[in-house]
């Protein structure tokens, strides 16, 4: 039998086994003690019977007219006789015997006292200077039957009590480990980014140090992640001003130079600085996604934020390439509009960058809070889809972008319990790509007066 892996199983099994063994030892010891006392009681009964019958037998034998005649006592009524006896003279002749006595059972006289044969326990005594002798016999089977009845009386209750006791042990162990199960459940319910301390107030003293060590580890991890996020955010923030200055200087250089080679080099430098600026913005977004506040005390309509983001992207880089579909009712959510804007902007820019230029990017916000961004284009392989939410992972070796857009969206989606789902080809088509996020909402609102559904 293999040992259980759970602490509850081990405690229940070990305590149950110890209890069973102890009860069996106690029952066995009790049976042995009772057997010894039983033998003493039966020996006392043998002796008492002999001492009571012997005087009566002497009186009967002495008063007889015919000496040496064997007299068998007749029973008053039919009954089982456990004690049988014979009375003999000095020559071994039987003078008196009980009605069920078998002379073959009684060995030759060898003095008063107890003796035992293979089948009987016997006691002998004598009177009139040893001329009249009595021997009382009891079958050993009788004693064995009585002992078996006593052992059954002790053992049968154990067959009922042991299962009840084992069930009580299991229940007691389960109740005692309730705090440990709740501690485990609180750990299992945590998200991967929840590094707050685990309550340890009700844990047993033996588990307390382990929980304290775990909380210490969580604190060190939290400090390390905070330091990493703070460094990324601060570094990106500090880079914005010098990058903006460098871009301005390069743009001025392009205006002032008349050398085509210098102008081309300045254009390359400007493009590189703009990519670095976008990267710094993505790093600040990533720090916000991983450690910033994403939920608010009040709810807002996400449709307004979606319109602002789409219109801003269209004016800057993609006029007429985005098809926005909104529900007729408000989509109320406690998600920070800035966080929603980060999610929407990154998904739309990713679709514009990697999708077909001849097909529109479809942005849909459903009434139940699902944001769907889909574009046409080549099918993305399954193994590539699994890697797209990793940091600095691009859809192709030559793809533009920082490789952080989908990682930022995935971080926010995980923290709001609405995982990012990537599908390629898009549902109902043989090509394209679709990304969707389930946003926290409060249910459908009211239909606006204009009843608009599509911009």
Protein backbone atom coordinates (compact mmCIF):
# COMPACT_ATOMS: atom_id res chain seq x y z
CA UNK A 1 0.00 0.00 0.00
CA UNK A 2 1.43 3.35 -1.02
CA UNK A 3 1.58 6.13 1.56
CA UNK A 4 -0.84 9.01 0.80
CA UNK A 5 0.77 12.21 -0.48
CA UNK A 6 -1.64 14.55 1.31
CA UNK A 7 -0.98 15.56 4.91
CA UNK A 8 -4.64 14.91 5.75
CA UNK A 9 -4.44 11.38 4.34
CA UNK A 10 -1.20 10.63 6.17
CA UNK A 11 -2.50 11.89 9.51
CA UNK A 12 -5.82 10.09 9.13
CA UNK A 13 -4.20 6.81 8.09
CA UNK A 14 -1.45 6.89 10.72
CA UNK A 15 -3.78 7.84 13.60
CA UNK A 16 -6.33 5.27 12.40
CA UNK A 17 -3.72 2.51 12.23
CA UNK A 18 -2.31 3.38 15.66
CA UNK A 19 -5.80 3.46 17.15
CA UNK A 20 -6.70 0.12 15.55
CA UNK A 21 -3.52 -1.56 16.78
CA UNK A 22 -3.97 -0.18 20.30
CA UNK A 23 -7.58 -1.36 20.43
CA UNK A 24 -6.64 -4.81 19.18
CA UNK A 25 -3.86 -5.03 21.77
CA UNK A 26 -6.26 -3.89 24.49
CA UNK A 27 -8.88 -6.43 23.38
CA UNK A 28 -6.30 -9.24 23.26
CA UNK A 29 -4.92 -8.33 26.67
CA UNK A 30 -8.42 -8.17 28.11
CA UNK A 31 -9.24 -11.57 26.61
CA UNK A 32 -6.12 -13.10 28.14
CA UNK A 33 -6.87 -11.61 31.53
CA UNK A 34 -10.48 -12.79 31.34
CA UNK A 35 -9.31 -16.27 30.33
CA UNK A 36 -7.06 -16.46 33.37
CA UNK A 37 -9.81 -15.27 35.67
CA UNK A 38 -12.18 -17.70 34.01
CA UNK A 39 -9.86 -20.63 34.69
CA UNK A 40 -9.58 -19.56 38.33
CA UNK A 41 -13.38 -19.38 38.67
CA UNK A 42 -13.89 -22.80 37.09
CA UNK A 43 -11.13 -24.36 39.23
CA UNK A 44 -12.79 -22.88 42.30
CA UNK A 45 -16.11 -24.36 41.17
CA UNK A 46 -14.46 -27.77 40.68
CA UNK A 47 -13.02 -27.69 44.17
CA UNK A 48 -16.23 -26.39 45.73
CA UNK A 49 -18.23 -29.15 44.02
CA UNK A 50 -15.88 -31.83 45.31
CA UNK A 51 -15.93 -30.46 48.86
CA UNK A 52 -19.72 -30.28 48.87
CA UNK A 53 -20.36 -33.74 47.40
CA UNK A 54 -17.69 -35.66 49.36
CA UNK A 55 -19.36 -35.42 52.83
CA UNK A 56 -22.70 -36.45 51.34
CA UNK A 57 -21.07 -39.36 49.53
CA UNK A 58 -19.33 -40.53 52.73
CA UNK A 59 -22.62 -40.50 54.62
CA UNK A 60 -24.34 -42.44 51.87
CA UNK A 61 -21.58 -45.03 51.49
CA UNK A 62 -21.07 -45.62 55.22
CA UNK A 63 -24.80 -46.18 55.73
CA UNK A 64 -25.07 -48.83 53.03
CA UNK A 65 -25.86 -52.43 53.88
CA UNK A 66 -24.09 -53.78 50.79
CA UNK A 67 -20.48 -52.76 50.48
CA UNK A 68 -18.68 -52.38 47.15
CA UNK A 69 -21.85 -51.74 45.14
CA UNK A 70 -21.69 -49.02 42.47
CA UNK A 71 -24.51 -46.58 42.68
CA UNK A 72 -25.34 -44.23 39.74
CA UNK A 73 -27.42 -41.24 40.68
CA UNK A 74 -30.44 -40.68 38.42
CA UNK A 75 -31.11 -37.13 37.19
CA UNK A 76 -34.15 -35.32 38.52
CA UNK A 77 -34.81 -33.89 35.03
CA UNK A 78 -32.98 -33.96 31.71
CA UNK A 79 -30.16 -31.40 31.59
CA UNK A 80 -26.67 -30.95 30.34
CA UNK A 81 -24.04 -31.80 32.92
CA UNK A 82 -20.73 -29.95 32.75
CA UNK A 83 -19.34 -31.35 36.02
CA UNK A 84 -19.23 -35.12 36.44
CA UNK A 85 -17.78 -37.05 39.35
CA UNK A 86 -16.97 -40.51 40.63
CA UNK A 87 -16.41 -41.70 44.20
CA UNK A 88 -14.01 -44.61 44.62
CA UNK A 89 -12.60 -46.66 47.48
CA UNK A 90 -8.92 -47.31 48.15
CA UNK A 91 -8.90 -50.23 45.69
CA UNK A 92 -10.27 -47.97 42.89
CA UNK A 93 -13.75 -49.48 42.85
CA UNK A 94 -16.45 -46.96 41.92
CA UNK A 95 -18.91 -46.59 44.74
CA UNK A 96 -20.88 -43.59 43.48
CA UNK A 97 -21.00 -41.62 40.23
CA UNK A 98 -23.07 -38.91 38.56
CA UNK A 99 -25.55 -39.98 35.93
CA UNK A 100 -23.42 -38.70 32.98
CA UNK A 101 -20.03 -39.73 34.32
CA UNK A 102 -17.82 -41.82 32.02
CA UNK A 103 -15.35 -43.89 34.09
CA UNK A 104 -12.91 -43.88 31.18
CA UNK A 105 -12.44 -40.14 31.57
CA UNK A 106 -11.14 -40.44 35.16
CA UNK A 107 -7.49 -41.50 35.48
CA UNK A 108 -6.26 -43.66 38.39
CA UNK A 109 -6.10 -41.89 41.73
CA UNK A 110 -2.77 -40.18 42.33
CA UNK A 111 -3.61 -37.94 45.26
CA UNK A 112 -5.75 -34.91 46.00
CA UNK A 113 -5.47 -31.70 43.95
CA UNK A 114 -5.85 -30.48 40.38
CA UNK A 115 -4.69 -32.32 37.30
CA UNK A 116 -5.50 -32.16 33.62
CA UNK A 117 -5.81 -34.62 30.78
CA UNK A 118 -6.12 -34.01 27.08
CA UNK A 119 -9.88 -33.56 27.35
CA UNK A 120 -10.73 -32.70 30.97
CA UNK A 121 -9.73 -30.63 33.98
CA UNK A 122 -10.03 -32.69 37.22
CA UNK A 123 -9.94 -32.15 40.97
CA UNK A 124 -9.60 -34.90 43.53
CA UNK A 125 -10.11 -35.08 47.32
CA UNK A 126 -10.32 -37.86 49.94
CA UNK A 127 -11.94 -38.59 53.30
CA UNK A 128 -11.78 -41.23 56.05
CA UNK A 129 -7.99 -41.43 55.83
CA UNK A 130 -8.07 -41.79 52.05
CA UNK A 131 -10.44 -44.75 51.94
CA UNK A 132 -13.13 -42.74 50.10
CA UNK A 133 -11.96 -40.67 47.21
CA UNK A 134 -13.84 -38.24 44.92
CA UNK A 135 -12.76 -36.92 41.54
CA UNK A 136 -14.71 -34.17 39.76
CA UNK A 137 -14.13 -33.62 36.02
CA UNK A 138 -14.97 -30.73 33.71
CA UNK A 139 -14.59 -30.93 29.88
CA UNK A 140 -12.00 -28.52 28.48
CA UNK A 141 -14.38 -27.89 25.56
CA UNK A 142 -16.75 -26.24 28.01
CA UNK A 143 -14.12 -23.76 29.10
CA UNK A 144 -13.08 -23.12 25.50
CA UNK A 145 -16.69 -22.45 24.47
CA UNK A 146 -17.16 -19.97 27.32
CA UNK A 147 -13.87 -18.25 26.38
CA UNK A 148 -14.96 -17.99 22.75
CA UNK A 149 -18.28 -16.45 23.78
CA UNK A 150 -16.42 -13.86 25.88
CA UNK A 151 -13.99 -13.07 23.04
CA UNK A 152 -16.88 -12.64 20.62
CA UNK A 153 -18.56 -10.36 23.12
CA UNK A 154 -15.41 -8.26 23.23
CA UNK A 155 -14.65 -8.40 19.51
CA UNK A 156 -18.03 -7.79 17.90
CA UNK A 157 -18.41 -4.26 19.35
CA UNK A 158 -14.96 -3.44 17.93
CA UNK A 159 -16.20 -4.23 14.43
CA UNK A 160 -18.77 -1.47 14.87
CA UNK A 161 -16.71 0.95 16.93
CA UNK A 162 -13.56 0.81 14.81
CA UNK A 163 -15.18 2.16 11.60
CA UNK A 164 -16.97 4.84 13.64
CA UNK A 165 -13.72 5.75 15.37
CA UNK A 166 -11.82 5.88 12.07
CA UNK A 167 -14.50 8.14 10.57
CA UNK A 168 -14.25 10.36 13.65
CA UNK A 169 -10.46 10.48 13.26
CA UNK A 170 -10.76 11.49 9.60
CA UNK A 171 -13.33 14.17 10.48
CA UNK A 172 -11.17 15.47 13.33
CA UNK A 173 -8.07 15.62 11.11
CA UNK A 174 -10.01 17.34 8.33
CA UNK A 175 -11.40 19.91 10.76
CA UNK A 176 -7.96 20.51 12.28
CA UNK A 177 -6.46 21.11 8.84
CA UNK A 178 -9.20 23.54 7.78
CA UNK A 179 -6.90 26.54 8.27
CA UNK A 180 -4.26 24.93 6.09
CA UNK A 181 -6.79 24.23 3.32
CA UNK A 182 -7.98 27.82 3.42
CA UNK A 183 -4.38 28.99 3.22
CA UNK A 184 -3.84 26.81 0.15
CA UNK A 185 -7.09 28.03 -1.42
CA UNK A 186 -6.07 31.65 -0.93
CA UNK A 187 -2.80 30.94 -2.73
CA UNK A 188 -4.52 29.11 -5.60
CA UNK A 189 -7.03 31.94 -6.07
CA UNK A 190 -4.30 34.53 -6.58
CA UNK A 191 -3.32 35.76 -9.98
CA UNK A 192 0.26 35.46 -11.16
CA UNK A 193 0.84 39.17 -10.46
CA UNK A 194 -0.63 39.27 -6.96
CA UNK A 195 2.38 39.41 -4.64
CA UNK A 196 0.65 40.74 -1.54
CA UNK A 197 1.14 39.01 1.80
CA UNK A 198 -0.94 35.93 2.62
CA UNK A 199 -2.86 36.09 5.94
CA UNK A 200 -1.31 33.68 8.45
CA UNK A 201 -3.27 34.43 11.64
CA UNK A 202 -5.15 31.12 11.96
CA UNK A 203 -2.39 28.79 10.75
CA UNK A 204 -1.02 26.15 13.17
CA UNK A 205 2.28 26.93 14.87
CA UNK A 206 4.04 24.27 12.80
CA UNK A 207 2.99 25.89 9.50
CA UNK A 208 3.42 29.50 10.62
CA UNK A 209 7.19 29.70 9.91
CA UNK A 210 6.63 28.29 6.41
CA UNK A 211 3.98 30.93 5.69
CA UNK A 212 6.24 33.65 7.10
CA UNK A 213 9.04 32.52 4.79
CA UNK A 214 6.62 32.55 1.84
CA UNK A 215 5.50 36.10 2.69
CA UNK A 216 9.12 37.18 2.96
CA UNK A 217 9.80 35.74 -0.49
CA UNK A 218 6.72 37.49 -1.90
CA UNK A 219 7.90 40.77 -0.39
CA UNK A 220 11.34 40.42 -2.01
CA UNK A 221 9.75 39.56 -5.35
CA UNK A 222 7.39 42.52 -5.05
CA UNK A 223 10.28 44.87 -4.34
CA UNK A 224 12.23 43.46 -7.30
CA UNK A 225 9.30 43.88 -9.69
CA UNK A 226 8.56 47.36 -8.39
CA UNK A 227 12.18 48.32 -8.92
CA UNK A 228 12.08 46.92 -12.45
CA UNK A 229 8.85 48.73 -13.33
CA UNK A 230 10.02 51.96 -11.72
CA UNK A 231 13.29 51.85 -13.62
CA UNK A 232 11.53 51.23 -16.94
CA UNK A 233 8.99 54.00 -16.35
CA UNK A 234 11.55 56.52 -15.09
CA UNK A 235 14.02 55.73 -17.84
CA UNK A 236 11.33 56.08 -20.51
CA UNK A 237 10.10 59.33 -18.96
CA UNK A 238 13.56 60.81 -18.71
CA UNK A 239 14.27 59.91 -22.34
CA UNK A 240 11.27 61.79 -23.72
CA UNK A 241 12.72 65.31 -23.33
CA UNK A 242 16.18 64.63 -24.77
CA UNK A 243 14.65 62.59 -27.59
CA UNK A 244 12.25 65.39 -28.45
CA UNK A 245 15.16 67.82 -28.43
CA UNK A 246 17.26 65.56 -30.62
CA UNK A 247 14.40 65.16 -33.13
CA UNK A 248 13.97 68.94 -33.26
CA UNK A 249 17.68 69.43 -33.90
CA UNK A 250 17.67 66.83 -36.67
CA UNK A 251 14.61 68.41 -38.28
CA UNK A 252 16.33 71.83 -38.17
CA UNK A 253 19.42 70.31 -39.71
CA UNK A 254 17.34 68.95 -42.58
CA UNK A 255 15.89 72.39 -43.21
CA UNK A 256 19.24 74.16 -43.12
CA UNK A 257 21.33 71.77 -45.21
CA UNK A 258 21.43 71.72 -48.98
CA UNK A 259 23.55 68.59 -49.20
CA UNK A 260 21.36 65.63 -50.30
CA UNK A 261 23.62 63.14 -48.51
CA UNK A 262 23.41 65.04 -45.21
CA UNK A 263 19.64 65.41 -45.60
CA UNK A 264 19.26 61.67 -46.20
CA UNK A 265 21.41 60.88 -43.17
CA UNK A 266 19.39 63.33 -41.07
CA UNK A 267 16.15 61.65 -42.19
CA UNK A 268 17.48 58.27 -41.08
CA UNK A 269 18.49 59.71 -37.71
CA UNK A 270 15.05 61.30 -37.31
CA UNK A 271 13.31 57.98 -38.07
CA UNK A 272 15.53 56.17 -35.57
CA UNK A 273 14.84 58.76 -32.87
CA UNK A 274 11.08 58.51 -33.49
CA UNK A 275 11.25 54.71 -33.14
CA UNK A 276 13.15 55.20 -29.89
CA UNK A 277 10.46 57.66 -28.75
CA UNK A 278 7.73 55.14 -29.51
CA UNK A 279 9.69 52.48 -27.64
CA UNK A 280 9.96 54.73 -24.57
CA UNK A 281 6.20 55.30 -24.71
CA UNK A 282 5.61 51.55 -24.89
CA UNK A 283 7.89 51.02 -21.90
CA UNK A 284 5.87 53.53 -19.87
CA UNK A 285 2.67 51.77 -20.95
CA UNK A 286 4.11 48.40 -19.95
CA UNK A 287 5.04 49.76 -16.51
CA UNK A 288 1.50 51.10 -16.17
CA UNK A 289 0.01 47.80 -17.32
CA UNK A 290 2.02 45.74 -14.84
CA UNK A 291 1.86 47.95 -11.77
CA UNK A 292 -0.47 50.90 -12.23
CA UNK A 293 -4.07 51.27 -11.10
CA UNK A 294 -6.48 49.92 -13.71
CA UNK A 295 -9.87 50.13 -11.98
CA UNK A 296 -11.71 53.22 -10.73
CA UNK A 297 -14.34 53.87 -8.09
CA UNK A 298 -16.87 55.08 -10.68
CA UNK A 299 -17.87 53.71 -14.06
CA UNK A 300 -17.62 55.41 -17.46
CA UNK A 301 -18.91 54.67 -20.95
CA UNK A 302 -16.16 52.98 -22.95
CA UNK A 303 -17.69 53.97 -26.27
CA UNK A 304 -16.42 57.55 -25.90
CA UNK A 305 -12.87 56.38 -25.24
CA UNK A 306 -13.01 54.04 -28.25
CA UNK A 307 -14.11 56.92 -30.53
CA UNK A 308 -11.30 59.19 -29.29
CA UNK A 309 -8.61 56.55 -29.81
CA UNK A 310 -9.79 55.55 -33.30
CA UNK A 311 -10.18 59.16 -34.47
CA UNK A 312 -6.72 60.05 -33.18
CA UNK A 313 -5.09 57.10 -34.99
CA UNK A 314 -6.98 57.88 -38.19
CA UNK A 315 -5.83 61.52 -38.21
CA UNK A 316 -2.23 60.58 -37.53
CA UNK A 317 -1.55 57.59 -39.74
CA UNK A 318 -4.55 55.77 -41.23
CA UNK A 319 -7.29 57.98 -42.66
CA UNK A 320 -10.26 55.88 -43.74
CA UNK A 321 -8.71 52.52 -42.82
CA UNK A 322 -10.60 51.85 -39.58
CA UNK A 323 -14.22 50.67 -39.33
CA UNK A 324 -15.52 51.25 -35.80
CA UNK A 325 -18.70 49.49 -34.62
CA UNK A 326 -20.24 50.45 -31.28
CA UNK A 327 -23.38 49.15 -29.52
CA UNK A 328 -26.46 51.37 -29.22
CA UNK A 329 -26.36 51.21 -25.42
CA UNK A 330 -23.62 52.56 -23.12
CA UNK A 331 -20.89 50.11 -22.15
CA UNK A 332 -20.37 51.06 -18.51
CA UNK A 333 -17.13 49.86 -16.92
CA UNK A 334 -14.92 50.75 -13.98
CA UNK A 335 -11.84 50.19 -16.16
CA UNK A 336 -9.67 53.32 -16.27
CA UNK A 337 -10.30 55.02 -19.65
CA UNK A 338 -6.54 55.54 -20.03
CA UNK A 339 -5.96 51.80 -19.58
CA UNK A 340 -8.73 51.07 -22.08
CA UNK A 341 -7.14 53.55 -24.47
CA UNK A 342 -3.79 51.77 -24.15
CA UNK A 343 -5.45 48.42 -24.98
CA UNK A 344 -7.42 49.80 -27.91
CA UNK A 345 -4.53 51.81 -29.38
CA UNK A 346 -2.06 48.94 -29.25
CA UNK A 347 -4.48 46.49 -30.85
CA UNK A 348 -5.46 48.89 -33.62
CA UNK A 349 -1.87 49.96 -34.38
CA UNK A 350 -0.81 46.30 -34.42
CA UNK A 351 -3.61 45.52 -36.91
CA UNK A 352 -2.69 48.49 -39.13
CA UNK A 353 0.97 47.58 -39.10
CA UNK A 354 0.61 43.89 -39.92
CA UNK A 355 -2.69 43.79 -41.83
CA UNK A 356 -3.37 44.18 -45.54
CA UNK A 357 -3.35 47.83 -46.60
CA UNK A 358 -6.26 47.32 -49.00
CA UNK A 359 -8.65 46.01 -46.34
CA UNK A 360 -10.06 47.99 -43.37
CA UNK A 361 -9.27 47.23 -39.76
CA UNK A 362 -12.52 46.33 -38.00
CA UNK A 363 -12.82 47.55 -34.40
CA UNK A 364 -15.90 46.30 -32.54
CA UNK A 365 -17.01 47.01 -28.97
CA UNK A 366 -19.93 44.78 -27.97
CA UNK A 367 -22.64 45.56 -25.43
CA UNK A 368 -21.26 42.94 -23.03
CA UNK A 369 -17.82 44.59 -23.01
CA UNK A 370 -15.88 42.59 -25.55
CA UNK A 371 -13.34 44.56 -27.63
CA UNK A 372 -12.57 42.88 -30.98
CA UNK A 373 -9.95 44.11 -33.45
CA UNK A 374 -9.68 42.18 -36.72
CA UNK A 375 -7.70 42.69 -39.91
CA UNK A 376 -7.15 40.86 -43.17
CA UNK A 377 -3.76 39.44 -44.06
CA UNK A 378 -1.68 36.26 -44.10
CA UNK A 379 -2.45 33.53 -41.59
CA UNK A 380 -0.26 33.52 -38.48
CA UNK A 381 0.98 30.06 -37.51
CA UNK A 382 -0.15 28.58 -34.18
CA UNK A 383 3.36 28.45 -32.71
CA UNK A 384 3.86 32.13 -33.58
CA UNK A 385 0.50 33.05 -32.00
CA UNK A 386 1.65 31.52 -28.72
CA UNK A 387 4.73 33.78 -28.68
CA UNK A 388 3.15 37.07 -29.73
CA UNK A 389 2.32 38.19 -26.18
CA UNK A 390 5.95 37.86 -25.08
CA UNK A 391 8.02 41.01 -24.75
CA UNK A 392 9.85 42.18 -27.87
CA UNK A 393 8.28 39.40 -29.93
CA UNK A 394 7.36 40.41 -33.48
CA UNK A 395 5.21 38.60 -36.01
CA UNK A 396 8.14 38.40 -38.42
CA UNK A 397 11.83 39.14 -38.51
CA UNK A 398 11.30 42.19 -40.72
CA UNK A 399 8.18 43.46 -38.98
CA UNK A 400 8.24 47.00 -37.68
CA UNK A 401 7.28 47.95 -34.17
CA UNK A 402 8.68 47.57 -30.68
CA UNK A 403 7.37 44.06 -30.04
CA UNK A 404 5.66 45.31 -26.85
CA UNK A 405 2.12 46.14 -28.03
CA UNK A 406 0.50 42.74 -27.49
CA UNK A 407 2.57 42.17 -24.34
CA UNK A 408 1.11 45.37 -22.87
CA UNK A 409 -2.44 44.34 -23.81
CA UNK A 410 -1.90 40.84 -22.37
CA UNK A 411 -0.63 42.31 -19.07
CA UNK A 412 -3.68 44.57 -18.70
CA UNK A 413 -6.06 41.78 -19.77
CA UNK A 414 -4.65 39.41 -17.19
CA UNK A 415 -5.01 41.96 -14.39
CA UNK A 416 -8.67 42.61 -15.24
CA UNK A 417 -9.41 38.86 -15.55
CA UNK A 418 -10.21 39.13 -19.26
CA UNK A 419 -7.49 37.18 -21.09
CA UNK A 420 -6.33 38.30 -24.51
CA UNK A 421 -7.48 35.83 -27.20
CA UNK A 422 -5.56 35.74 -30.50
CA UNK A 423 -7.06 33.91 -33.50
CA UNK A 424 -5.74 33.37 -37.01
CA UNK A 425 -7.36 33.00 -39.45
CA UNK A 426 -10.15 35.25 -38.17
CA UNK A 427 -13.45 33.46 -37.42
CA UNK A 428 -15.51 32.80 -40.54
CA UNK A 429 -12.61 33.53 -42.94
CA UNK A 430 -9.59 31.75 -44.41
CA UNK A 431 -7.12 34.55 -43.69
CA UNK A 432 -6.57 37.45 -41.37
CA UNK A 433 -6.01 37.94 -37.65
CA UNK A 434 -8.30 38.76 -34.72
CA UNK A 435 -7.57 39.87 -31.17
CA UNK A 436 -10.27 40.13 -28.50
CA UNK A 437 -10.37 41.17 -24.84
CA UNK A 438 -13.24 40.77 -22.38
CA UNK A 439 -13.58 44.03 -20.41
CA UNK A 440 -15.25 44.40 -16.99
CA UNK A 441 -18.74 45.86 -17.41
CA UNK A 442 -21.85 46.57 -15.37
CA UNK A 443 -24.34 45.32 -17.96
CA UNK A 444 -26.21 47.13 -20.75
CA UNK A 445 -27.25 50.73 -20.34
CA UNK A 446 -29.94 52.74 -22.10
CA UNK A 447 -30.33 53.47 -25.78
CA UNK A 448 -29.06 56.99 -26.61
CA UNK A 449 -31.44 59.40 -28.36
CA UNK A 450 -29.63 59.22 -31.68
CA UNK A 451 -29.59 55.41 -31.64
CA UNK A 452 -26.25 55.36 -33.47
CA UNK A 453 -24.43 52.04 -33.80
CA UNK A 454 -21.65 52.66 -36.30
CA UNK A 455 -19.36 55.60 -36.92
